[in-house]
Structure formats: C-alpha cells, structure tokens
Amino acid sequence: MNKKTFLFLIITMFVISFTSCTKDDGNGIKSSNGSIKSVDYNPAVGIIDGRLFFSDTAQLVEHLEWIYSHMNDEEVIENYYNSIGFTTLAQKYNQVMFSENVDTLNYALINYSHCFKEEIVDNETFYDISLPFGASYISNVKGIYQVGNNIVRVTPSYKVIIVNGDSGLIPYLFNDTATLKTNPNFKIINNERSSHYPCKYLNYSYRTSYFNNRNRIVTKMYWSEAPLNLGFMYDVKNSSQTKVCGIWWQKRISTIGIKNYQGHYKSVNSPNIYNIPPSTLVLNNKAVVYKGPLSISPIDFLSSSCLYDCWGVKDGVRREILNQEQFPDSW
C-alpha cells in the first residue's frame, strides 16, 4: 500500500469520526458515552519479546488505519490490547495519569520514564505523553515496535532503527545517537525543521483555560511523522485536567469539544493547495478529543492556515480557547 492510499484512508476515517461520534458504529461501540461492548477486529499482530511485530508495512498500515479510526474512542483500542495481553506506551501513560496517585506517578517516572515528557505550561510542570497518538499505540512502554527486519525506537526528538532485525542490538537503541551514526546496523531519523515549518519540536503550542485553580482545559498543537515515513500528522488535542497534590492529571468532564473553521494547507513538496473543511466534534464524559489532517510531505506553515476553537463543560460551566492558528508563522 502506497502513501497516497494511506493518506486517502486516514482522511476518510477522520471524516467518518466527525460525522458519527454519537452513533453506534456497527460494532456495538457508542462513542458518545464511552460504552464499549465488543470490537470485531483480528489483525493477527504478533508480539515478540514484549514488542509488537508487524510482518511488513502493509500490516502496519492496516493496524494504523484501525487505530486512527478510533482516535476519539481510545477505550476500543485499549480493550483490544488488553485482550491480547499487551500494554502500549499510551495505555501505561493513561493508567498513571488518570490515577491521581502520587506514588503511582513517582514509580512510573522511574520505571516507565519513556512514557512521559515533562512540559512547562503557565509556569507549572505537567507530564505529557512522550509520543504522538499513532506511535504511542503501536510502541511498547519503551517506545519500541518492529516491522519486518526494522526494529524501531521512537522518542520525541528522533527515531533509531535497527535495520537488520538483530534483537541483540536493542540495548544500544538507548545510547547517545552520536555513537550510532557511523554504525551501519542503525539508521537515525531526526525531527529537523526548516523555514517552511518553523516549529522546532513535536509540541509547538499549549494554551489553557481554567474553570478554577484546580481544573482546566489544555489545547496542544503538534506535528508527528507517521511510522516508517508514511506521512505527517498535524494534530490539535484538547484535554481536561485536574490538579491534585500539586500535579496536573487527566480528568473526564461532562463535555469536551473541538471545532475547526474552513482552512487550507500546502505541503512543502507540492504546489497544490488542499482544503480543510469545517467540522465540529463533541464528546461526553471524556478527557481528550483530537483532530487534524495528514499530509504526505511536511506542511508549509507559511502557506497554510486553519483556525480552531476548543472548549469544555464541567459542572455546567463552559470554558473556551478560541481562534487558535494551527499553522503559525512562528512559535
């Protein structure tokens, strides 16, 4: 399956997710209230030494298609992994950040440190998930998965790939990349930016709106490469958080929503302008909602624009973060 086919399928799934979020999707899944009954899905994904194994890129794409189709119904994905006895990086992060337990967090920061990325927002620290959505749901708690002979470790700043399938080299995936650059068994892919897309890091914008000093919504904008260079995701994530013992945790609220206005984007490697149609997604009893387009090549921020509104409702009070530009000229 080529990149254009993957692009078409992912965009189609985003459209479906925004037009059916309050209806039964045919598999007994009701996204509006989080009631999960069953999932008719059997991808025959393998597990080798605690990491997911995909026989080839086509199998990886099939699995990612399914993951992205449930981007706003993460319980479905987690139920599947629970059924095969596997824990992804995203699952471990969610287990910890919904716990509101300081001892659980402190233990995880030592033993599952690859799941977390420390961020400063409004002059306070909070622990964000370390990887983008797709990668976090195919990687184990150390950020590793395998496709054919490629054993991949994903970090917020780069990917390291063992290209010959030698699992004995996995401990070296955690070495300084400078020591691996000259080793033909490894390939390193850095998250490099240019003047066309000036955002230097995966997460390039955080904005907040507070219900009170202990509850808030946080909007994050970020880009990420789909695994094995299948494309680039540009996501907007709206999440609800609560502060307990001085730490910000994930917290479900009665309503959380996200809306984009009519927009457009242009990729760096193409003269074509692509339309982003307006859409709105509202979820009930959730902590997170996502939206964003996929491009085969990096998006040219200077030639692209799309405004977003995000909001949350808690105890009858509504808070909003309005007119956020997804493709800022600077950050």
Protein backbone atom coordinates (compact mmCIF):
# COMPACT_ATOMS: atom_id res chain seq x y z
CA MET A 1 0.00 0.00 0.00
CA ASN A 2 1.49 3.35 -1.03
CA LYS A 3 1.47 6.70 0.75
CA LYS A 4 -1.36 8.14 -1.35
CA THR A 5 -3.62 5.22 -0.46
CA PHE A 6 -2.76 5.60 3.22
CA LEU A 7 -3.44 9.35 3.03
CA PHE A 8 -6.86 8.79 1.46
CA LEU A 9 -7.82 6.18 4.03
CA ILE A 10 -6.76 8.25 7.02
CA ILE A 11 -8.57 11.39 5.80
CA THR A 12 -11.67 9.27 5.18
CA MET A 13 -11.51 7.96 8.73
CA PHE A 14 -11.25 11.47 10.16
CA VAL A 15 -14.37 12.46 8.21
CA ILE A 16 -16.22 9.39 9.47
CA SER A 17 -15.18 10.07 13.06
CA PHE A 18 -16.58 13.58 12.91
CA THR A 19 -19.90 12.58 11.42
CA SER A 20 -20.65 9.52 13.56
CA CYS A 21 -19.31 10.30 17.00
CA THR A 22 -22.69 9.99 18.70
CA LYS A 23 -23.97 6.93 16.82
CA ASP A 24 -23.38 3.20 17.06
CA ASP A 25 -20.66 2.44 14.54
CA GLY A 26 -21.90 -1.03 13.68
CA ASN A 27 -19.60 -2.89 16.08
CA GLY A 28 -21.61 -2.17 19.21
CA ILE A 29 -19.43 0.83 20.10
CA LYS A 30 -21.09 4.01 21.33
CA SER A 31 -18.56 6.81 21.28
CA SER A 32 -20.80 9.42 22.84
CA ASN A 33 -20.91 7.79 26.27
CA GLY A 34 -17.85 5.57 26.26
CA SER A 35 -19.89 2.34 26.46
CA ILE A 36 -17.74 -0.37 24.91
CA LYS A 37 -19.36 -3.72 24.17
CA SER A 38 -17.19 -5.52 21.61
CA VAL A 39 -14.74 -4.97 18.78
CA ASP A 40 -14.80 -7.19 15.72
CA TYR A 41 -11.12 -6.91 14.85
CA ASN A 42 -8.46 -9.56 14.40
CA PRO A 43 -5.32 -8.14 12.78
CA ALA A 44 -3.09 -11.07 13.82
CA VAL A 45 -0.45 -8.65 15.09
CA GLY A 46 2.46 -10.54 16.61
CA ILE A 47 4.26 -9.97 19.90
CA ILE A 48 7.98 -10.67 20.14
CA ASP A 49 9.86 -10.17 23.41
CA GLY A 50 7.40 -7.57 24.64
CA ARG A 51 7.12 -5.52 21.43
CA LEU A 52 4.54 -5.54 18.63
CA PHE A 53 5.69 -7.24 15.45
CA PHE A 54 4.27 -6.38 12.02
CA SER A 55 5.32 -8.69 9.20
CA ASP A 56 5.52 -5.85 6.69
CA THR A 57 4.49 -2.26 6.05
CA ALA A 58 1.08 -3.33 4.73
CA GLN A 59 0.21 -4.96 8.05
CA LEU A 60 1.43 -1.90 9.94
CA VAL A 61 -0.72 0.36 7.75
CA GLU A 62 -3.77 -1.85 8.31
CA HIS A 63 -3.28 -1.61 12.05
CA LEU A 64 -2.69 2.16 11.99
CA GLU A 65 -5.83 2.63 9.91
CA TRP A 66 -7.80 0.89 12.62
CA ILE A 67 -6.07 2.88 15.40
CA TYR A 68 -6.74 6.23 13.71
CA SER A 69 -10.37 5.26 13.05
CA HIS A 70 -10.79 5.10 16.85
CA MET A 71 -8.72 8.18 17.60
CA ASN A 72 -11.52 9.62 19.72
CA ASP A 73 -12.57 6.33 21.28
CA GLU A 74 -9.37 5.13 22.90
CA GLU A 75 -11.17 2.57 25.07
CA VAL A 76 -11.74 0.47 21.95
CA ILE A 77 -8.00 0.37 21.22
CA GLU A 78 -7.10 -0.36 24.81
CA ASN A 79 -9.68 -3.14 25.09
CA TYR A 80 -8.13 -4.83 22.06
CA TYR A 81 -4.62 -4.68 23.50
CA ASN A 82 -5.89 -5.93 26.86
CA SER A 83 -7.42 -8.91 25.06
CA ILE A 84 -4.02 -9.94 23.64
CA GLY A 85 -2.11 -9.24 26.85
CA PHE A 86 -0.09 -6.27 25.59
CA THR A 87 0.45 -2.82 27.10
CA THR A 88 1.30 0.08 24.84
CA LEU A 89 3.07 3.27 25.85
CA ALA A 90 -0.26 5.14 25.60
CA GLN A 91 -2.01 2.66 27.89
CA LYS A 92 0.66 2.94 30.56
CA TYR A 93 0.54 6.74 30.37
CA ASN A 94 -3.24 6.76 30.71
CA GLN A 95 -3.18 4.30 33.62
CA VAL A 96 -0.85 6.61 35.52
CA MET A 97 -2.32 9.99 34.60
CA PHE A 98 -5.90 9.00 35.41
CA SER A 99 -4.85 7.53 38.77
CA GLU A 100 -4.40 10.83 40.67
CA ASN A 101 -1.95 8.88 42.83
CA VAL A 102 1.42 10.50 43.53
CA ASP A 103 3.12 7.22 44.48
CA THR A 104 1.96 5.64 41.22
CA LEU A 105 3.33 8.60 39.26
CA ASN A 106 6.67 8.64 41.06
CA TYR A 107 7.11 4.91 40.44
CA ALA A 108 6.23 5.34 36.76
CA LEU A 109 8.61 8.27 36.27
CA ILE A 110 11.44 5.95 37.35
CA ASN A 111 10.35 2.65 35.79
CA TYR A 112 8.38 3.88 32.75
CA SER A 113 10.20 7.13 32.07
CA HIS A 114 9.92 6.70 28.28
CA CYS A 115 6.15 7.26 28.53
CA PHE A 116 6.43 10.83 29.82
CA LYS A 117 7.62 14.19 28.58
CA GLU A 118 7.93 16.99 31.10
CA GLU A 119 6.42 20.26 29.87
CA ILE A 120 6.09 23.72 31.40
CA VAL A 121 2.69 25.37 30.92
CA ASP A 122 1.64 28.52 32.77
CA ASN A 123 4.87 28.29 34.77
CA GLU A 124 3.95 24.86 36.11
CA THR A 125 5.22 21.40 35.25
CA PHE A 126 2.96 18.74 33.92
CA TYR A 127 3.70 15.33 32.44
CA ASP A 128 2.55 15.00 28.86
CA ILE A 129 2.65 11.77 26.89
CA SER A 130 6.03 11.42 25.18
CA LEU A 131 4.87 10.25 21.74
CA PRO A 132 2.19 11.25 19.23
CA PHE A 133 -1.05 9.33 19.03
CA GLY A 134 -0.26 6.70 16.39
CA ALA A 135 3.23 5.88 17.64
CA SER A 136 2.07 5.69 21.26
CA TYR A 137 -0.44 2.96 20.38
CA ILE A 138 1.98 0.71 18.47
CA SER A 139 5.00 1.15 20.76
CA ASN A 140 5.69 -0.71 23.96
CA VAL A 141 6.43 1.18 27.17
CA LYS A 142 10.00 1.80 25.97
CA GLY A 143 8.86 3.24 22.63
CA ILE A 144 9.80 0.16 20.56
CA TYR A 145 7.99 -1.77 17.81
CA GLN A 146 9.12 -3.90 14.86
CA VAL A 147 8.20 -4.02 11.17
CA GLY A 148 9.86 -6.85 9.27
CA ASN A 149 13.58 -6.52 9.99
CA ASN A 150 13.24 -2.92 11.20
CA ILE A 151 13.25 -2.64 14.99
CA VAL A 152 12.25 0.94 15.74
CA ARG A 153 12.61 3.06 18.87
CA VAL A 154 10.64 6.33 18.82
CA THR A 155 11.45 9.36 21.00
CA PRO A 156 10.08 12.91 20.98
CA SER A 157 13.13 14.11 19.03
CA TYR A 158 14.21 11.25 16.78
CA LYS A 159 13.80 7.64 15.70
CA VAL A 160 16.50 4.96 15.86
CA ILE A 161 16.09 1.88 13.67
CA ILE A 162 17.93 -1.43 13.79
CA VAL A 163 17.88 -2.25 10.09
CA ASN A 164 18.99 -5.90 10.22
CA GLY A 165 16.49 -7.29 12.74
CA ASP A 166 19.16 -8.16 15.30
CA SER A 167 17.30 -8.02 18.62
CA GLY A 168 20.63 -8.29 20.44
CA LEU A 169 21.25 -4.67 19.45
CA ILE A 170 18.13 -3.35 21.21
CA PRO A 171 20.04 -2.13 24.32
CA TYR A 172 22.04 0.16 22.01
CA LEU A 173 18.83 1.93 20.95
CA PHE A 174 19.10 3.87 24.21
CA ASN A 175 22.68 5.07 23.58
CA ASP A 176 23.56 8.59 22.54
CA THR A 177 22.76 8.85 18.83
CA ALA A 178 26.23 10.29 18.15
CA THR A 179 27.70 6.86 18.93
CA LEU A 180 25.37 5.14 16.46
CA LYS A 181 25.68 7.39 13.41
CA THR A 182 28.64 5.53 11.96
CA ASN A 183 27.25 2.07 12.71
CA PRO A 184 25.70 0.53 9.56
CA ASN A 185 23.29 -1.52 11.67
CA PHE A 186 21.43 1.63 12.74
CA LYS A 187 19.53 4.38 10.99
CA ILE A 188 18.73 7.65 12.77
CA ILE A 189 15.92 9.99 11.70
CA ASN A 190 15.93 13.40 13.40
CA ASN A 191 12.96 15.75 13.65
CA GLU A 192 14.53 18.56 11.64
CA ARG A 193 12.67 21.75 10.77
CA SER A 194 13.06 24.39 8.08
CA SER A 195 11.90 27.93 7.31
CA HIS A 196 8.73 26.47 5.75
CA TYR A 197 7.58 24.88 9.00
CA PRO A 198 9.28 26.79 11.79
CA CYS A 199 8.12 24.63 14.68
CA LYS A 200 11.21 23.09 16.16
CA TYR A 201 9.69 20.41 18.35
CA LEU A 202 6.82 17.98 18.23
CA ASN A 203 4.68 20.11 20.54
CA TYR A 204 4.63 23.71 19.36
CA SER A 205 1.69 25.28 21.15
CA TYR A 206 -0.03 24.93 24.51
CA ARG A 207 -2.95 27.13 25.56
CA THR A 208 -5.13 26.91 28.65
CA SER A 209 -8.46 28.00 30.07
CA TYR A 210 -9.33 27.50 33.75
CA PHE A 211 -12.59 26.55 35.43
CA ASN A 212 -10.87 27.30 38.74
CA ASN A 213 -7.39 26.87 40.19
CA ARG A 214 -7.75 23.07 40.19
CA ASN A 215 -9.46 22.35 36.87
CA ARG A 216 -8.66 23.43 33.32
CA ILE A 217 -8.62 22.52 29.65
CA VAL A 218 -5.36 22.47 27.71
CA THR A 219 -5.05 22.65 23.94
CA LYS A 220 -1.91 21.23 22.37
CA MET A 221 -0.89 21.54 18.74
CA TYR A 222 1.79 19.22 17.44
CA TRP A 223 3.13 17.52 14.35
CA SER A 224 4.43 13.98 14.02
CA GLU A 225 5.63 11.60 11.35
CA ALA A 226 3.51 8.52 10.82
CA PRO A 227 5.60 5.37 11.36
CA LEU A 228 8.05 4.41 8.59
CA ASN A 229 7.62 7.77 6.84
CA LEU A 230 4.04 7.07 5.72
CA GLY A 231 3.11 10.72 6.16
CA PHE A 232 2.91 13.62 8.61
CA MET A 233 0.15 14.14 11.15
CA TYR A 234 -0.76 17.66 12.30
CA ASP A 235 -2.98 17.27 15.33
CA VAL A 236 -4.90 19.51 17.69
CA LYS A 237 -5.55 17.89 21.07
CA ASN A 238 -7.98 19.31 23.61
CA SER A 239 -7.75 17.75 27.06
CA SER A 240 -9.24 18.20 30.53
CA GLN A 241 -7.00 18.22 33.59
CA THR A 242 -7.40 18.40 37.35
CA LYS A 243 -4.79 19.39 39.93
CA VAL A 244 -4.29 17.06 42.90
CA CYS A 245 -1.33 17.29 45.31
CA GLY A 246 0.22 19.93 43.08
CA ILE A 247 0.20 17.70 39.97
CA TRP A 248 -1.96 18.04 36.86
CA TRP A 249 -3.78 14.80 35.97
CA GLN A 250 -6.14 13.79 33.19
CA LYS A 251 -9.80 14.08 34.17
CA ARG A 252 -13.03 13.32 32.35
CA ILE A 253 -15.59 16.10 32.21
CA SER A 254 -19.20 16.20 31.08
CA THR A 255 -18.46 17.67 27.63
CA ILE A 256 -15.30 18.34 25.66
CA GLY A 257 -15.26 19.69 22.12
CA ILE A 258 -13.19 20.88 19.21
CA LYS A 259 -14.12 22.80 16.07
CA ASN A 260 -12.15 23.93 13.05
CA TYR A 261 -13.19 26.59 10.57
CA GLN A 262 -12.68 26.46 6.82
CA GLY A 263 -8.95 26.22 6.19
CA HIS A 264 -6.30 25.11 3.75
CA TYR A 265 -2.80 23.69 3.69
CA LYS A 266 0.04 23.28 1.22
CA SER A 267 2.78 20.71 1.51
CA VAL A 268 6.41 21.70 1.08
CA ASN A 269 6.89 19.40 -1.90
CA SER A 270 3.77 20.25 -3.89
CA PRO A 271 2.24 23.42 -5.41
CA ASN A 272 -1.28 22.14 -4.67
CA ILE A 273 -3.50 23.72 -2.02
CA TYR A 274 -5.62 21.25 -0.06
CA ASN A 275 -8.94 22.17 1.52
CA ILE A 276 -9.67 21.60 5.21
CA PRO A 277 -13.48 21.57 5.54
CA PRO A 278 -15.11 22.95 8.69
CA SER A 279 -16.15 20.37 11.27
CA THR A 280 -17.14 20.02 14.91
CA LEU A 281 -16.71 17.14 17.33
CA VAL A 282 -18.31 16.97 20.78
CA LEU A 283 -17.69 14.10 23.21
CA ASN A 284 -19.37 13.36 26.52
CA ASN A 285 -17.64 12.04 29.65
CA LYS A 286 -14.20 12.14 28.02
CA ALA A 287 -10.89 13.74 28.90
CA VAL A 288 -9.41 14.14 25.43
CA VAL A 289 -10.52 14.94 21.88
CA TYR A 290 -8.30 15.04 18.76
CA LYS A 291 -8.45 16.45 15.26
CA GLY A 292 -6.02 17.12 12.43
CA PRO A 293 -5.11 16.47 8.77
CA LEU A 294 -2.47 14.17 7.32
CA SER A 295 -0.07 15.23 4.59
CA ILE A 296 2.26 13.02 2.55
CA SER A 297 5.05 15.57 2.94
CA PRO A 298 5.68 18.29 5.56
CA ILE A 299 3.18 21.15 5.52
CA ASP A 300 4.37 24.61 4.56
CA PHE A 301 3.22 26.65 7.56
CA LEU A 302 3.78 29.95 5.74
CA SER A 303 1.25 28.98 3.04
CA SER A 304 -1.32 27.27 5.26
CA SER A 305 -3.99 28.35 7.73
CA CYS A 306 -6.75 26.83 9.83
CA LEU A 307 -8.38 28.25 12.97
CA TYR A 308 -9.62 26.09 15.83
CA ASP A 309 -11.93 26.58 18.80
CA CYS A 310 -11.75 24.22 21.78
CA TRP A 311 -13.99 24.07 24.84
CA GLY A 312 -15.01 22.04 27.84
CA VAL A 313 -18.03 21.96 30.15
CA LYS A 314 -17.70 20.98 33.83
CA ASP A 315 -20.48 21.28 36.39
CA GLY A 316 -22.43 23.43 33.96
CA VAL A 317 -19.56 25.89 33.43
CA ARG A 318 -18.09 26.30 29.95
CA ARG A 319 -14.50 27.35 29.22
CA GLU A 320 -13.14 28.10 25.76
CA ILE A 321 -9.87 28.54 23.88
CA LEU A 322 -10.68 30.35 20.66
CA ASN A 323 -9.11 31.27 17.32
CA GLN A 324 -6.03 29.08 17.53
CA GLU A 325 -3.96 29.03 14.37
CA GLN A 326 -2.85 25.50 13.55
CA PHE A 327 -0.04 26.64 11.24
CA PRO A 328 1.58 29.67 12.93
CA ASP A 329 4.35 31.61 11.20
CA SER A 330 6.36 31.43 14.41
CA TRP A 331 6.11 29.88 17.86
